[in-house]
Each structure stands twice: as C-alpha cells, then as structure tokens.
Amino acid sequence: MPDLSKYRFQRALRPFSFPVALIACLVGLVAAYAQGYWQPLPAVLVLIAGVLLQAGVNLINDYADLNLLPSQDRAFIAARQQIRRNFQLGLGCFVVAALLGFYLILQAGWPLLLVAVIGLLGALGYTLEPIQYKNRGLGVLLVFWLMGVLMITGSYLAVGAPFQTEILWLSLPISCLVSLLLLSNELRDYEQDRQDGLNTLTVRLGYTKGVQLYGALLFATAVFSALLYIWGLLTPAWPLLFLLFLLPQLYRLLRADSAARRALTPATARFLLLFGSLFCFLLLP
C-alpha cells in the first residue's frame, strides 16, 4: 500500500524546498543592489511571490497521482480528496503570486512580463497534462531554467535593474543547486516512483546514474563559481570552500538504504541554503 500520509497538507507543502525560492530571489535582488538598483517594496513582493510560486508548485505536484489511487477504500478516497484540496490551494498560491507579479510588471515593464509568463506556464506544466514534464524525465532540466535562471533574472529585473548577460552567468551556480534539490527528491523516492510507474529522470536513468548526475551537478556548481571568480564577478570566492565539510554527509546518504535516504533531500536543501546565503553575501559591494 502506498504511503498516503505524503498527501497531507503539511507534507505536500514541502517547506524544506522554500530555500529554493528565497535564495533564487535573493541572488537577483542582491545582484541588483550591488549595481545600485534597489526598491524596498518590490524587493519584499518578489520574495513573497517567489515563495508562493514554490508553494504552488509543491501543492499541485501530487495531482497526477490521482491515477495511482483507484481503490474505493476509505483511506484512498480521503487521499484523493486531500490531493484535490492541495491542488486548489496551489492554484490559489499561483493567483496571488500572479497579482503581485502584475504590480511588479507595471513597475518594471515587458521584460519581466515575459519572464513571469514563461515561469508560470512552466510551473503549471510541471505536473499537469498534457505537458507533465515531471513524468517525462524533464523536471531536473527544466527547474534549472524555471526556478533558477528565470527566477533570479526576474527578481533582478523587478527592482529596476536593466537586463544584462552578467545576471545569467551569476544565476548558473544556484541553478545547478536548484536542480540538485529536485534530483535529491527523485533519488530519495526512487524505489517508490519506480513501483508506481512514475518516469522521473532518475527512474529512467537508474539509481547509479542518478547519483553520478548528483555529483556532476555539484561539480558544475564549483566550476561555475570558479569561473565567476576568474571573471571578477564573484570576489572573493574562497569562503565557499567551507561548505566542503558538508559533502561527506551527502555522500553517505546517497549510499544509504531507502529508509535512511529520507534525509537526503533536507540535507541537500541545507546545502543550497548555506551556499546561497554565502553567495549572496559575497555579491554585496
């Protein structure tokens, strides 16, 4: 019998993933501030909208699981009802985020509108038919762009900064870690997803190759950070080396059995939060 408790609101909300939105938005805001662009109200609204978008994605994430719960058992019926409630709350989060985004677009102009539309469509397509790229093995790739590059760029534009390619380069290390967090979720749930017939990227590749991709994303984060230092966009960069002490724990969890592996996603989220916080601090003038 599947674990139906994961559909409860508290678990479906997945608050451990909120650092994704907070860090992505903060990188864009801090990069704009470092270049002399700062508006307090839009900055606060960006953070609120970012968390609402993340919450919305989390709450609609399980909607496709309705097809996996056909039983008329009372527990299954309750789970389906909870999934539908979560879905409605997720759409509500999107509506509020869209209203905040509309105000920000009025202030920042059409470039932000383009980013917002792509981001919202991408968020809805994550789990909804006919796109449902989560089940097509595209989730890890697309969150790199949607919750990484686009969210950072949108936050940067929202406080009045003009578009520059520099913000795209600055977004790359964080975008790698955003993908890493989703991949950690797929690795954590590998056995259950395979049993349920969910074709996530990790299920398609196999667990061993999924672990290799996890390592590759960490390596890419280090490479992009080093390049930013070489190009003078991130100085100094050496404080990021202190995060190396977290890597052994991640390695142990990747090699653990499925029960112990439950801690992988929160541990990856902590790594993202610490790296992102240091990254923002290093961007300050």
Foldseek 3Di string as FASTA:
>chain_A
DDDLVCLALVNLQPVLLLLLLQLLLLLLQLLLVQVPFADVVLSVLLSLLSSLLSSLLSLQQCLLCLVVQPDPPPSSVVSNVSSVVSNVVSVVSVVVSVVSLVVLCVVQHDVLVVLSVVLSVVSVLCCDPPRVVQLVQCVLVVCLVNSFQSSSQSSNRSRPHDDDCLSNLLRNLLSLLSSLLVLLVCLLCVVVCVVSVRRHNCVVVDLVVSVVSSVVSVVRSVVSLVVCVVVVQFPPSVVLVVLVVLVVVLVVLSVDDSVSVVCNNSSSSVSSNVNSVVRSVRNHD
